[in-house]
Amino acid sequence: MKTYSALSKISFLKKRYNLKVLFLAFLGIHIPLFAIIAYLVTTSLAKEEAWSIGILTLIFTLIATAVTLFLLNKLLKPLIQAKNALNEYIYFAKVNELPTDYEDEVGVLMADVSQSIKSLE
């Protein structure tokens, strides 16, 4: 909970869980890039070779970042869907069906939210 609390203090991350996850992924993906840049700055490689390696690394890091952030955002959709289903029930008494056949933590959460709504109904 310490990490979650610390990230919740950052203004643009305060209200969106998916941004917290994406922010940490973004930082983690770029650590190798910074290490390679540090190596290239301190190595005795020719400038042309160092620039080539640096630019290629940057391009592939940006591609990996875009793909990773896109997929992580899609992976967080079930949490958002569970939150929305619960809010729809609380505020509008509308029952939305959630998938209940997944066995991981988020799947169990969606099944529990669905069961709770049905019990209250």
PDB file of N, CA and C in Angstrom:
ATOM      1  N   MET A   1       0.812  -1.196   0.000  1.00  0.00           N
ATOM      2  CA  MET A   1       0.000   0.000   0.000  1.00  0.00           C
ATOM      3  C   MET A   1       0.862   1.270   0.000  1.00  0.00           C
ATOM      4  N   LYS A   2       2.127   1.149   0.383  1.00  0.00           N
ATOM      5  CA  LYS A   2       2.982   2.343   0.408  1.00  0.00           C
ATOM      6  C   LYS A   2       3.193   2.891  -1.001  1.00  0.00           C
ATOM      7  N   THR A   3       3.409   1.996  -1.962  1.00  0.00           N
ATOM      8  CA  THR A   3       3.599   2.431  -3.349  1.00  0.00           C
ATOM      9  C   THR A   3       2.339   3.093  -3.867  1.00  0.00           C
ATOM     10  N   TYR A   4       1.197   2.459  -3.615  1.00  0.00           N
ATOM     11  CA  TYR A   4      -0.083   3.009  -4.048  1.00  0.00           C
ATOM     12  C   TYR A   4      -0.317   4.386  -3.416  1.00  0.00           C
ATOM     13  N   SER A   5      -0.034   4.509  -2.126  1.00  0.00           N
ATOM     14  CA  SER A   5      -0.209   5.790  -1.434  1.00  0.00           C
ATOM     15  C   SER A   5       0.716   6.861  -2.004  1.00  0.00           C
ATOM     16  N   ALA A   6       1.963   6.486  -2.252  1.00  0.00           N
ATOM     17  CA  ALA A   6       2.922   7.459  -2.796  1.00  0.00           C
ATOM     18  C   ALA A   6       2.491   7.931  -4.183  1.00  0.00           C
ATOM     19  N   LEU A   7       2.054   7.000  -5.026  1.00  0.00           N
ATOM     20  CA  LEU A   7       1.617   7.384  -6.371  1.00  0.00           C
ATOM     21  C   LEU A   7       0.333   8.205  -6.338  1.00  0.00           C
ATOM     22  N   SER A   8      -0.508   7.975  -5.340  1.00  0.00           N
ATOM     23  CA  SER A   8      -1.761   8.725  -5.223  1.00  0.00           C
ATOM     24  C   SER A   8      -1.527  10.184  -4.847  1.00  0.00           C
ATOM     25  N   LYS A   9      -0.354  10.502  -4.387  1.00  0.00           N
ATOM     26  CA  LYS A   9      -0.026  11.886  -4.041  1.00  0.00           C
ATOM     27  C   LYS A   9       0.397  12.712  -5.254  1.00  0.00           C
ATOM     28  N   ILE A  10       0.672  12.055  -6.371  1.00  0.00           N
ATOM     29  CA  ILE A  10       1.042  12.755  -7.605  1.00  0.00           C
ATOM     30  C   ILE A  10      -0.250  13.185  -8.283  1.00  0.00           C
ATOM     31  N   SER A  11      -0.379  14.472  -8.550  1.00  0.00           N
ATOM     32  CA  SER A  11      -1.667  15.031  -8.972  1.00  0.00           C
ATOM     33  C   SER A  11      -2.269  14.358 -10.205  1.00  0.00           C
ATOM     34  N   PHE A  12      -1.494  14.125 -11.253  1.00  0.00           N
ATOM     35  CA  PHE A  12      -2.086  13.556 -12.464  1.00  0.00           C
ATOM     36  C   PHE A  12      -2.353  12.051 -12.336  1.00  0.00           C
ATOM     37  N   LEU A  13      -1.882  11.420 -11.260  1.00  0.00           N
ATOM     38  CA  LEU A  13      -2.138   9.997 -11.034  1.00  0.00           C
ATOM     39  C   LEU A  13      -3.204   9.760  -9.964  1.00  0.00           C
ATOM     40  N   LYS A  14      -3.610  10.810  -9.311  1.00  0.00           N
ATOM     41  CA  LYS A  14      -4.467  10.702  -8.134  1.00  0.00           C
ATOM     42  C   LYS A  14      -5.756   9.913  -8.367  1.00  0.00           C
ATOM     43  N   LYS A  15      -6.431  10.143  -9.468  1.00  0.00           N
ATOM     44  CA  LYS A  15      -7.773   9.584  -9.666  1.00  0.00           C
ATOM     45  C   LYS A  15      -7.836   8.415 -10.639  1.00  0.00           C
ATOM     46  N   ARG A  16      -6.711   7.978 -11.178  1.00  0.00           N
ATOM     47  CA  ARG A  16      -6.749   6.928 -12.217  1.00  0.00           C
ATOM     48  C   ARG A  16      -5.740   5.832 -11.897  1.00  0.00           C
ATOM     49  N   TYR A  17      -6.249   4.671 -11.540  1.00  0.00           N
ATOM     50  CA  TYR A  17      -5.388   3.530 -11.223  1.00  0.00           C
ATOM     51  C   TYR A  17      -4.590   3.084 -12.439  1.00  0.00           C
ATOM     52  N   ASN A  18      -5.247   3.075 -13.605  1.00  0.00           N
ATOM     53  CA  ASN A  18      -4.536   2.611 -14.796  1.00  0.00           C
ATOM     54  C   ASN A  18      -3.350   3.515 -15.117  1.00  0.00           C
ATOM     55  N   LEU A  19      -3.453   4.818 -14.837  1.00  0.00           N
ATOM     56  CA  LEU A  19      -2.306   5.701 -15.058  1.00  0.00           C
ATOM     57  C   LEU A  19      -1.166   5.402 -14.096  1.00  0.00           C
ATOM     58  N   LYS A  20      -1.502   4.975 -12.883  1.00  0.00           N
ATOM     59  CA  LYS A  20      -0.452   4.588 -11.931  1.00  0.00           C
ATOM     60  C   LYS A  20       0.352   3.414 -12.487  1.00  0.00           C
ATOM     61  N   VAL A  21      -0.356   2.397 -12.971  1.00  0.00           N
ATOM     62  CA  VAL A  21       0.312   1.213 -13.524  1.00  0.00           C
ATOM     63  C   VAL A  21       1.131   1.592 -14.759  1.00  0.00           C
ATOM     64  N   LEU A  22       0.535   2.367 -15.649  1.00  0.00           N
ATOM     65  CA  LEU A  22       1.222   2.760 -16.881  1.00  0.00           C
ATOM     66  C   LEU A  22       2.438   3.633 -16.593  1.00  0.00           C
ATOM     67  N   PHE A  23       2.338   4.505 -15.598  1.00  0.00           N
ATOM     68  CA  PHE A  23       3.452   5.370 -15.214  1.00  0.00           C
ATOM     69  C   PHE A  23       4.642   4.536 -14.739  1.00  0.00           C
ATOM     70  N   LEU A  24       4.373   3.550 -13.882  1.00  0.00           N
ATOM     71  CA  LEU A  24       5.455   2.691 -13.402  1.00  0.00           C
ATOM     72  C   LEU A  24       6.054   1.853 -14.527  1.00  0.00           C
ATOM     73  N   ALA A  25       5.215   1.369 -15.420  1.00  0.00           N
ATOM     74  CA  ALA A  25       5.718   0.603 -16.565  1.00  0.00           C
ATOM     75  C   ALA A  25       6.595   1.480 -17.450  1.00  0.00           C
ATOM     76  N   PHE A  26       6.157   2.702 -17.677  1.00  0.00           N
ATOM     77  CA  PHE A  26       6.930   3.639 -18.492  1.00  0.00           C
ATOM     78  C   PHE A  26       8.314   3.860 -17.891  1.00  0.00           C
ATOM     79  N   LEU A  27       8.361   4.091 -16.586  1.00  0.00           N
ATOM     80  CA  LEU A  27       9.660   4.295 -15.930  1.00  0.00           C
ATOM     81  C   LEU A  27      10.524   3.040 -16.028  1.00  0.00           C
ATOM     82  N   GLY A  28       9.934   1.886 -15.779  1.00  0.00           N
ATOM     83  CA  GLY A  28      10.693   0.641 -15.819  1.00  0.00           C
ATOM     84  C   GLY A  28      11.239   0.310 -17.188  1.00  0.00           C
ATOM     85  N   ILE A  29      10.475   0.603 -18.205  1.00  0.00           N
ATOM     86  CA  ILE A  29      10.911   0.315 -19.572  1.00  0.00           C
ATOM     87  C   ILE A  29      12.120   1.171 -19.952  1.00  0.00           C
ATOM     88  N   HIS A  30      12.216   2.355 -19.386  1.00  0.00           N
ATOM     89  CA  HIS A  30      13.278   3.280 -19.794  1.00  0.00           C
ATOM     90  C   HIS A  30      14.584   3.117 -19.025  1.00  0.00           C
ATOM     91  N   ILE A  31      14.612   2.306 -17.991  1.00  0.00           N
ATOM     92  CA  ILE A  31      15.855   2.104 -17.238  1.00  0.00           C
ATOM     93  C   ILE A  31      16.969   1.543 -18.124  1.00  0.00           C
ATOM     94  N   PRO A  32      16.708   0.524 -18.953  1.00  0.00           N
ATOM     95  CA  PRO A  32      17.794   0.053 -19.839  1.00  0.00           C
ATOM     96  C   PRO A  32      18.277   1.130 -20.811  1.00  0.00           C
ATOM     97  N   LEU A  33      17.373   1.969 -21.264  1.00  0.00           N
ATOM     98  CA  LEU A  33      17.766   3.052 -22.167  1.00  0.00           C
ATOM     99  C   LEU A  33      18.762   3.982 -21.478  1.00  0.00           C
ATOM    100  N   PHE A  34      18.482   4.346 -20.235  1.00  0.00           N
ATOM    101  CA  PHE A  34      19.394   5.225 -19.504  1.00  0.00           C
ATOM    102  C   PHE A  34      20.744   4.552 -19.264  1.00  0.00           C
ATOM    103  N   ALA A  35      20.724   3.250 -19.005  1.00  0.00           N
ATOM    104  CA  ALA A  35      21.986   2.515 -18.808  1.00  0.00           C
ATOM    105  C   ALA A  35      22.811   2.506 -20.088  1.00  0.00           C
ATOM    106  N   ILE A  36      22.160   2.295 -21.220  1.00  0.00           N
ATOM    107  CA  ILE A  36      22.878   2.283 -22.502  1.00  0.00           C
ATOM    108  C   ILE A  36      23.427   3.665 -22.817  1.00  0.00           C
ATOM    109  N   ILE A  37      22.658   4.697 -22.557  1.00  0.00           N
ATOM    110  CA  ILE A  37      23.141   6.066 -22.786  1.00  0.00           C
ATOM    111  C   ILE A  37      24.361   6.340 -21.919  1.00  0.00           C
ATOM    112  N   ALA A  38      24.302   5.937 -20.649  1.00  0.00           N
ATOM    113  CA  ALA A  38      25.454   6.137 -19.756  1.00  0.00           C
ATOM    114  C   ALA A  38      26.673   5.386 -20.275  1.00  0.00           C
ATOM    115  N   TYR A  39      26.462   4.177 -20.758  1.00  0.00           N
ATOM    116  CA  TYR A  39      27.572   3.398 -21.315  1.00  0.00           C
ATOM    117  C   TYR A  39      28.156   4.089 -22.547  1.00  0.00           C
ATOM    118  N   LEU A  40      27.281   4.552 -23.428  1.00  0.00           N
ATOM    119  CA  LEU A  40      27.749   5.184 -24.662  1.00  0.00           C
ATOM    120  C   LEU A  40      28.504   6.485 -24.383  1.00  0.00           C
ATOM    121  N   VAL A  41      28.100   7.183 -23.349  1.00  0.00           N
ATOM    122  CA  VAL A  41      28.785   8.439 -23.004  1.00  0.00           C
ATOM    123  C   VAL A  41      30.181   8.154 -22.453  1.00  0.00           C
ATOM    124  N   THR A  42      30.334   7.047 -21.741  1.00  0.00           N
ATOM    125  CA  THR A  42      31.617   6.762 -21.088  1.00  0.00           C
ATOM    126  C   THR A  42      32.523   5.822 -21.878  1.00  0.00           C
ATOM    127  N   THR A  43      32.043   5.268 -22.967  1.00  0.00           N
ATOM    128  CA  THR A  43      32.837   4.303 -23.726  1.00  0.00           C
ATOM    129  C   THR A  43      33.757   5.002 -24.724  1.00  0.00           C
ATOM    130  N   SER A  44      34.654   4.228 -25.270  1.00  0.00           N
ATOM    131  CA  SER A  44      35.590   4.791 -26.245  1.00  0.00           C
ATOM    132  C   SER A  44      35.154   4.488 -27.683  1.00  0.00           C
ATOM    133  N   LEU A  45      33.896   4.166 -27.883  1.00  0.00           N
ATOM    134  CA  LEU A  45      33.386   3.931 -29.240  1.00  0.00           C
ATOM    135  C   LEU A  45      33.463   5.216 -30.067  1.00  0.00           C
ATOM    136  N   ALA A  46      33.570   5.035 -31.365  1.00  0.00           N
ATOM    137  CA  ALA A  46      33.532   6.190 -32.255  1.00  0.00           C
ATOM    138  C   ALA A  46      32.152   6.848 -32.147  1.00  0.00           C
ATOM    139  N   LYS A  47      32.129   8.166 -32.348  1.00  0.00           N
ATOM    140  CA  LYS A  47      30.864   8.897 -32.210  1.00  0.00           C
ATOM    141  C   LYS A  47      29.772   8.351 -33.114  1.00  0.00           C
ATOM    142  N   GLU A  48      30.125   7.986 -34.342  1.00  0.00           N
ATOM    143  CA  GLU A  48      29.124   7.465 -35.279  1.00  0.00           C
ATOM    144  C   GLU A  48      28.510   6.168 -34.771  1.00  0.00           C
ATOM    145  N   GLU A  49      29.363   5.288 -34.252  1.00  0.00           N
ATOM    146  CA  GLU A  49      28.864   4.019 -33.713  1.00  0.00           C
ATOM    147  C   GLU A  49      27.996   4.256 -32.482  1.00  0.00           C
ATOM    148  N   ALA A  50      28.450   5.138 -31.612  1.00  0.00           N
ATOM    149  CA  ALA A  50      27.689   5.435 -30.394  1.00  0.00           C
ATOM    150  C   ALA A  50      26.330   6.033 -30.746  1.00  0.00           C
ATOM    151  N   TRP A  51      26.301   6.952 -31.709  1.00  0.00           N
ATOM    152  CA  TRP A  51      25.036   7.555 -32.125  1.00  0.00           C
ATOM    153  C   TRP A  51      24.109   6.507 -32.740  1.00  0.00           C
ATOM    154  N   SER A  52      24.653   5.643 -33.564  1.00  0.00           N
ATOM    155  CA  SER A  52      23.842   4.584 -34.185  1.00  0.00           C
ATOM    156  C   SER A  52      23.213   3.685 -33.127  1.00  0.00           C
ATOM    157  N   ILE A  53      24.024   3.248 -32.185  1.00  0.00           N
ATOM    158  CA  ILE A  53      23.513   2.387 -31.107  1.00  0.00           C
ATOM    159  C   ILE A  53      22.477   3.146 -30.286  1.00  0.00           C
ATOM    160  N   GLY A  54      22.754   4.383 -29.948  1.00  0.00           N
ATOM    161  CA  GLY A  54      21.839   5.190 -29.150  1.00  0.00           C
ATOM    162  C   GLY A  54      20.498   5.420 -29.836  1.00  0.00           C
ATOM    163  N   ILE A  55      20.538   5.745 -31.118  1.00  0.00           N
ATOM    164  CA  ILE A  55      19.301   6.013 -31.854  1.00  0.00           C
ATOM    165  C   ILE A  55      18.486   4.731 -32.033  1.00  0.00           C
ATOM    166  N   LEU A  56      19.152   3.637 -32.386  1.00  0.00           N
ATOM    167  CA  LEU A  56      18.441   2.357 -32.507  1.00  0.00           C
ATOM    168  C   LEU A  56      17.804   1.945 -31.178  1.00  0.00           C
ATOM    169  N   THR A  57      18.553   2.113 -30.113  1.00  0.00           N
ATOM    170  CA  THR A  57      18.024   1.766 -28.794  1.00  0.00           C
ATOM    171  C   THR A  57      16.824   2.644 -28.444  1.00  0.00           C
ATOM    172  N   LEU A  58      16.915   3.913 -28.745  1.00  0.00           N
ATOM    173  CA  LEU A  58      15.805   4.824 -28.481  1.00  0.00           C
ATOM    174  C   LEU A  58      14.572   4.426 -29.285  1.00  0.00           C
ATOM    175  N   ILE A  59      14.746   4.137 -30.546  1.00  0.00           N
ATOM    176  CA  ILE A  59      13.614   3.761 -31.413  1.00  0.00           C
ATOM    177  C   ILE A  59      12.943   2.497 -30.893  1.00  0.00           C
ATOM    178  N   PHE A  60      13.748   1.468 -30.596  1.00  0.00           N
ATOM    179  CA  PHE A  60      13.151   0.221 -30.117  1.00  0.00           C
ATOM    180  C   PHE A  60      12.544   0.367 -28.723  1.00  0.00           C
ATOM    181  N   THR A  61      13.120   1.228 -27.905  1.00  0.00           N
ATOM    182  CA  THR A  61      12.531   1.492 -26.585  1.00  0.00           C
ATOM    183  C   THR A  61      11.180   2.174 -26.735  1.00  0.00           C
ATOM    184  N   LEU A  62      11.089   3.123 -27.639  1.00  0.00           N
ATOM    185  CA  LEU A  62       9.808   3.808 -27.850  1.00  0.00           C
ATOM    186  C   LEU A  62       8.746   2.859 -28.410  1.00  0.00           C
ATOM    187  N   ILE A  63       9.150   1.986 -29.327  1.00  0.00           N
ATOM    188  CA  ILE A  63       8.206   0.993 -29.858  1.00  0.00           C
ATOM    189  C   ILE A  63       7.750   0.053 -28.740  1.00  0.00           C
ATOM    190  N   ALA A  64       8.694  -0.447 -27.954  1.00  0.00           N
ATOM    191  CA  ALA A  64       8.348  -1.341 -26.847  1.00  0.00           C
ATOM    192  C   ALA A  64       7.463  -0.636 -25.826  1.00  0.00           C
ATOM    193  N   THR A  65       7.739   0.631 -25.570  1.00  0.00           N
ATOM    194  CA  THR A  65       6.927   1.401 -24.633  1.00  0.00           C
ATOM    195  C   THR A  65       5.498   1.528 -25.130  1.00  0.00           C
ATOM    196  N   ALA A  66       5.336   1.888 -26.389  1.00  0.00           N
ATOM    197  CA  ALA A  66       3.996   2.060 -26.947  1.00  0.00           C
ATOM    198  C   ALA A  66       3.205   0.753 -26.887  1.00  0.00           C
ATOM    199  N   VAL A  67       3.823  -0.336 -27.284  1.00  0.00           N
ATOM    200  CA  VAL A  67       3.131  -1.628 -27.272  1.00  0.00           C
ATOM    201  C   VAL A  67       2.798  -2.049 -25.844  1.00  0.00           C
ATOM    202  N   THR A  68       3.759  -1.908 -24.937  1.00  0.00           N
ATOM    203  CA  THR A  68       3.546  -2.306 -23.546  1.00  0.00           C
ATOM    204  C   THR A  68       2.444  -1.480 -22.897  1.00  0.00           C
ATOM    205  N   LEU A  69       2.486  -0.161 -23.062  1.00  0.00           N
ATOM    206  CA  LEU A  69       1.468   0.689 -22.445  1.00  0.00           C
ATOM    207  C   LEU A  69       0.088   0.415 -23.031  1.00  0.00           C
ATOM    208  N   PHE A  70       0.020   0.159 -24.331  1.00  0.00           N
ATOM    209  CA  PHE A  70      -1.254  -0.165 -24.966  1.00  0.00           C
ATOM    210  C   PHE A  70      -1.830  -1.454 -24.381  1.00  0.00           C
ATOM    211  N   LEU A  71      -0.992  -2.491 -24.293  1.00  0.00           N
ATOM    212  CA  LEU A  71      -1.462  -3.776 -23.785  1.00  0.00           C
ATOM    213  C   LEU A  71      -1.793  -3.725 -22.296  1.00  0.00           C
ATOM    214  N   LEU A  72      -0.998  -3.005 -21.518  1.00  0.00           N
ATOM    215  CA  LEU A  72      -1.309  -2.874 -20.092  1.00  0.00           C
ATOM    216  C   LEU A  72      -2.624  -2.135 -19.881  1.00  0.00           C
ATOM    217  N   ASN A  73      -2.858  -1.113 -20.678  1.00  0.00           N
ATOM    218  CA  ASN A  73      -4.118  -0.380 -20.565  1.00  0.00           C
ATOM    219  C   ASN A  73      -5.302  -1.305 -20.874  1.00  0.00           C
ATOM    220  N   LYS A  74      -5.152  -2.151 -21.887  1.00  0.00           N
ATOM    221  CA  LYS A  74      -6.205  -3.127 -22.216  1.00  0.00           C
ATOM    222  C   LYS A  74      -6.379  -4.137 -21.076  1.00  0.00           C
ATOM    223  N   LEU A  75      -5.283  -4.521 -20.448  1.00  0.00           N
ATOM    224  CA  LEU A  75      -5.326  -5.489 -19.363  1.00  0.00           C
ATOM    225  C   LEU A  75      -6.034  -4.931 -18.124  1.00  0.00           C
ATOM    226  N   LEU A  76      -6.025  -3.624 -17.971  1.00  0.00           N
ATOM    227  CA  LEU A  76      -6.684  -2.994 -16.828  1.00  0.00           C
ATOM    228  C   LEU A  76      -8.175  -2.763 -17.051  1.00  0.00           C
ATOM    229  N   LYS A  77      -8.672  -2.991 -18.247  1.00  0.00           N
ATOM    230  CA  LYS A  77     -10.089  -2.760 -18.559  1.00  0.00           C
ATOM    231  C   LYS A  77     -11.044  -3.532 -17.648  1.00  0.00           C
ATOM    232  N   PRO A  78     -10.754  -4.791 -17.261  1.00  0.00           N
ATOM    233  CA  PRO A  78     -11.686  -5.477 -16.368  1.00  0.00           C
ATOM    234  C   PRO A  78     -11.888  -4.770 -15.023  1.00  0.00           C
ATOM    235  N   LEU A  79     -10.833  -4.154 -14.492  1.00  0.00           N
ATOM    236  CA  LEU A  79     -10.986  -3.401 -13.246  1.00  0.00           C
ATOM    237  C   LEU A  79     -11.920  -2.215 -13.443  1.00  0.00           C
ATOM    238  N   ILE A  80     -11.737  -1.527 -14.535  1.00  0.00           N
ATOM    239  CA  ILE A  80     -12.587  -0.373 -14.842  1.00  0.00           C
ATOM    240  C   ILE A  80     -14.017  -0.834 -15.080  1.00  0.00           C
ATOM    241  N   GLN A  81     -14.175  -1.958 -15.752  1.00  0.00           N
ATOM    242  CA  GLN A  81     -15.500  -2.503 -16.015  1.00  0.00           C
ATOM    243  C   GLN A  81     -16.201  -2.880 -14.700  1.00  0.00           C
ATOM    244  N   ALA A  82     -15.474  -3.479 -13.760  1.00  0.00           N
ATOM    245  CA  ALA A  82     -16.049  -3.834 -12.460  1.00  0.00           C
ATOM    246  C   ALA A  82     -16.452  -2.582 -11.689  1.00  0.00           C
ATOM    247  N   LYS A  83     -15.604  -1.565 -11.714  1.00  0.00           N
ATOM    248  CA  LYS A  83     -15.921  -0.306 -11.038  1.00  0.00           C
ATOM    249  C   LYS A  83     -17.162   0.326 -11.639  1.00  0.00           C
ATOM    250  N   ASN A  84     -17.241   0.343 -12.970  1.00  0.00           N
ATOM    251  CA  ASN A  84     -18.388   0.943 -13.647  1.00  0.00           C
ATOM    252  C   ASN A  84     -19.674   0.173 -13.372  1.00  0.00           C
ATOM    253  N   ALA A  85     -19.595  -1.150 -13.335  1.00  0.00           N
ATOM    254  CA  ALA A  85     -20.779  -1.956 -13.041  1.00  0.00           C
ATOM    255  C   ALA A  85     -21.292  -1.676 -11.634  1.00  0.00           C
ATOM    256  N   LEU A  86     -20.381  -1.559 -10.694  1.00  0.00           N
ATOM    257  CA  LEU A  86     -20.767  -1.257  -9.320  1.00  0.00           C
ATOM    258  C   LEU A  86     -21.370   0.139  -9.217  1.00  0.00           C
ATOM    259  N   ASN A  87     -20.763   1.110  -9.884  1.00  0.00           N
ATOM    260  CA  ASN A  87     -21.305   2.478  -9.865  1.00  0.00           C
ATOM    261  C   ASN A  87     -22.667   2.563 -10.547  1.00  0.00           C
ATOM    262  N   GLU A  88     -22.829   1.842 -11.640  1.00  0.00           N
ATOM    263  CA  GLU A  88     -24.130   1.817 -12.331  1.00  0.00           C
ATOM    264  C   GLU A  88     -25.215   1.284 -11.407  1.00  0.00           C
ATOM    265  N   TYR A  89     -24.859   0.268 -10.624  1.00  0.00           N
ATOM    266  CA  TYR A  89     -25.851  -0.289  -9.707  1.00  0.00           C
ATOM    267  C   TYR A  89     -26.138   0.678  -8.559  1.00  0.00           C
ATOM    268  N   ILE A  90     -25.099   1.236  -7.975  1.00  0.00           N
ATOM    269  CA  ILE A  90     -25.269   2.132  -6.831  1.00  0.00           C
ATOM    270  C   ILE A  90     -26.077   3.370  -7.215  1.00  0.00           C
ATOM    271  N   TYR A  91     -25.737   4.000  -8.319  1.00  0.00           N
ATOM    272  CA  TYR A  91     -26.343   5.290  -8.661  1.00  0.00           C
ATOM    273  C   TYR A  91     -27.605   5.187  -9.511  1.00  0.00           C
ATOM    274  N   PHE A  92     -27.731   4.112 -10.303  1.00  0.00           N
ATOM    275  CA  PHE A  92     -28.866   4.033 -11.229  1.00  0.00           C
ATOM    276  C   PHE A  92     -29.659   2.728 -11.104  1.00  0.00           C
ATOM    277  N   ALA A  93     -29.296   1.865 -10.152  1.00  0.00           N
ATOM    278  CA  ALA A  93     -29.942   0.570  -9.955  1.00  0.00           C
ATOM    279  C   ALA A  93     -29.947  -0.262 -11.238  1.00  0.00           C
ATOM    280  N   LYS A  94     -28.936  -0.074 -12.051  1.00  0.00           N
ATOM    281  CA  LYS A  94     -28.810  -0.813 -13.304  1.00  0.00           C
ATOM    282  C   LYS A  94     -27.857  -1.991 -13.091  1.00  0.00           C
ATOM    283  N   VAL A  95     -28.294  -3.186 -13.480  1.00  0.00           N
ATOM    284  CA  VAL A  95     -27.483  -4.386 -13.318  1.00  0.00           C
ATOM    285  C   VAL A  95     -26.777  -4.687 -14.634  1.00  0.00           C
ATOM    286  N   ASN A  96     -25.461  -4.621 -14.605  1.00  0.00           N
ATOM    287  CA  ASN A  96     -24.645  -4.961 -15.775  1.00  0.00           C
ATOM    288  C   ASN A  96     -24.006  -6.320 -15.543  1.00  0.00           C
ATOM    289  N   GLU A  97     -23.977  -7.127 -16.571  1.00  0.00           N
ATOM    290  CA  GLU A  97     -23.339  -8.436 -16.476  1.00  0.00           C
ATOM    291  C   GLU A  97     -21.824  -8.288 -16.597  1.00  0.00           C
ATOM    292  N   LEU A  98     -21.138  -8.953 -15.714  1.00  0.00           N
ATOM    293  CA  LEU A  98     -19.681  -9.018 -15.761  1.00  0.00           C
ATOM    294  C   LEU A  98     -19.274 -10.458 -16.043  1.00  0.00           C
ATOM    295  N   PRO A  99     -18.160 -10.661 -16.713  1.00  0.00           N
ATOM    296  CA  PRO A  99     -17.695 -12.035 -16.921  1.00  0.00           C
ATOM    297  C   PRO A  99     -17.355 -12.681 -15.575  1.00  0.00           C
ATOM    298  N   THR A 100     -17.711 -13.920 -15.421  1.00  0.00           N
ATOM    299  CA  THR A 100     -17.470 -14.611 -14.146  1.00  0.00           C
ATOM    300  C   THR A 100     -16.650 -15.887 -14.312  1.00  0.00           C
ATOM    301  N   ASP A 101     -16.065 -16.096 -15.476  1.00  0.00           N
ATOM    302  CA  ASP A 101     -15.379 -17.365 -15.735  1.00  0.00           C
ATOM    303  C   ASP A 101     -13.856 -17.274 -15.711  1.00  0.00           C
ATOM    304  N   TYR A 102     -13.310 -16.186 -15.225  1.00  0.00           N
ATOM    305  CA  TYR A 102     -11.860 -16.058 -15.127  1.00  0.00           C
ATOM    306  C   TYR A 102     -11.414 -16.430 -13.713  1.00  0.00           C
ATOM    307  N   GLU A 103     -10.210 -16.955 -13.583  1.00  0.00           N
ATOM    308  CA  GLU A 103      -9.771 -17.483 -12.292  1.00  0.00           C
ATOM    309  C   GLU A 103      -8.668 -16.668 -11.622  1.00  0.00           C
ATOM    310  N   ASP A 104      -8.166 -15.618 -12.276  1.00  0.00           N
ATOM    311  CA  ASP A 104      -7.129 -14.807 -11.631  1.00  0.00           C
ATOM    312  C   ASP A 104      -7.795 -13.811 -10.676  1.00  0.00           C
ATOM    313  N   GLU A 105      -6.983 -12.956 -10.065  1.00  0.00           N
ATOM    314  CA  GLU A 105      -7.496 -12.030  -9.045  1.00  0.00           C
ATOM    315  C   GLU A 105      -8.560 -11.083  -9.591  1.00  0.00           C
ATOM    316  N   VAL A 106      -8.341 -10.558 -10.772  1.00  0.00           N
ATOM    317  CA  VAL A 106      -9.315  -9.627 -11.356  1.00  0.00           C
ATOM    318  C   VAL A 106     -10.580 -10.372 -11.772  1.00  0.00           C
ATOM    319  N   GLY A 107     -10.435 -11.586 -12.263  1.00  0.00           N
ATOM    320  CA  GLY A 107     -11.599 -12.389 -12.609  1.00  0.00           C
ATOM    321  C   GLY A 107     -12.443 -12.700 -11.391  1.00  0.00           C
ATOM    322  N   VAL A 108     -11.784 -13.034 -10.293  1.00  0.00           N
ATOM    323  CA  VAL A 108     -12.498 -13.297  -9.041  1.00  0.00           C
ATOM    324  C   VAL A 108     -13.170 -12.012  -8.542  1.00  0.00           C
ATOM    325  N   LEU A 109     -12.486 -10.890  -8.676  1.00  0.00           N
ATOM    326  CA  LEU A 109     -13.079  -9.607  -8.280  1.00  0.00           C
ATOM    327  C   LEU A 109     -14.343  -9.321  -9.093  1.00  0.00           C
ATOM    328  N   MET A 110     -14.284  -9.526 -10.407  1.00  0.00           N
ATOM    329  CA  MET A 110     -15.469  -9.287 -11.235  1.00  0.00           C
ATOM    330  C   MET A 110     -16.609 -10.235 -10.846  1.00  0.00           C
ATOM    331  N   ALA A 111     -16.282 -11.487 -10.577  1.00  0.00           N
ATOM    332  CA  ALA A 111     -17.306 -12.441 -10.157  1.00  0.00           C
ATOM    333  C   ALA A 111     -17.903 -12.039  -8.811  1.00  0.00           C
ATOM    334  N   ASP A 112     -17.055 -11.574  -7.893  1.00  0.00           N
ATOM    335  CA  ASP A 112     -17.544 -11.139  -6.580  1.00  0.00           C
ATOM    336  C   ASP A 112     -18.432  -9.905  -6.693  1.00  0.00           C
ATOM    337  N   VAL A 113     -18.036  -8.957  -7.536  1.00  0.00           N
ATOM    338  CA  VAL A 113     -18.862  -7.757  -7.740  1.00  0.00           C
ATOM    339  C   VAL A 113     -20.205  -8.159  -8.347  1.00  0.00           C
ATOM    340  N   SER A 114     -20.170  -9.037  -9.330  1.00  0.00           N
ATOM    341  CA  SER A 114     -21.388  -9.503  -9.976  1.00  0.00           C
ATOM    342  C   SER A 114     -22.293 -10.218  -8.972  1.00  0.00           C
ATOM    343  N   GLN A 115     -21.704 -11.093  -8.174  1.00  0.00           N
ATOM    344  CA  GLN A 115     -22.488 -11.821  -7.166  1.00  0.00           C
ATOM    345  C   GLN A 115     -23.057 -10.865  -6.112  1.00  0.00           C
ATOM    346  N   SER A 116     -22.278  -9.877  -5.691  1.00  0.00           N
ATOM    347  CA  SER A 116     -22.759  -8.911  -4.705  1.00  0.00           C
ATOM    348  C   SER A 116     -23.940  -8.110  -5.236  1.00  0.00           C
ATOM    349  N   ILE A 117     -23.841  -7.688  -6.481  1.00  0.00           N
ATOM    350  CA  ILE A 117     -24.943  -6.926  -7.102  1.00  0.00           C
ATOM    351  C   ILE A 117     -26.192  -7.798  -7.183  1.00  0.00           C
ATOM    352  N   LYS A 118     -26.024  -9.043  -7.618  1.00  0.00           N
ATOM    353  CA  LYS A 118     -27.173  -9.945  -7.717  1.00  0.00           C
ATOM    354  C   LYS A 118     -27.789 -10.211  -6.358  1.00  0.00           C
ATOM    355  N   SER A 119     -26.958 -10.332  -5.315  1.00  0.00           N
ATOM    356  CA  SER A 119     -27.470 -10.550  -3.965  1.00  0.00           C
ATOM    357  C   SER A 119     -28.263  -9.347  -3.483  1.00  0.00           C
ATOM    358  N   LEU A 120     -27.764  -8.162  -3.766  1.00  0.00           N
ATOM    359  CA  LEU A 120     -28.476  -6.951  -3.353  1.00  0.00           C
ATOM    360  C   LEU A 120     -29.780  -6.766  -4.136  1.00  0.00           C
ATOM    361  N   GLU A 121     -29.768  -7.208  -5.365  1.00  0.00           N
ATOM    362  CA  GLU A 121     -30.939  -7.071  -6.228  1.00  0.00           C
ATOM    363  C   GLU A 121     -32.041  -7.988  -5.718  1.00  0.00           C
TER     364      GLU A 121
END
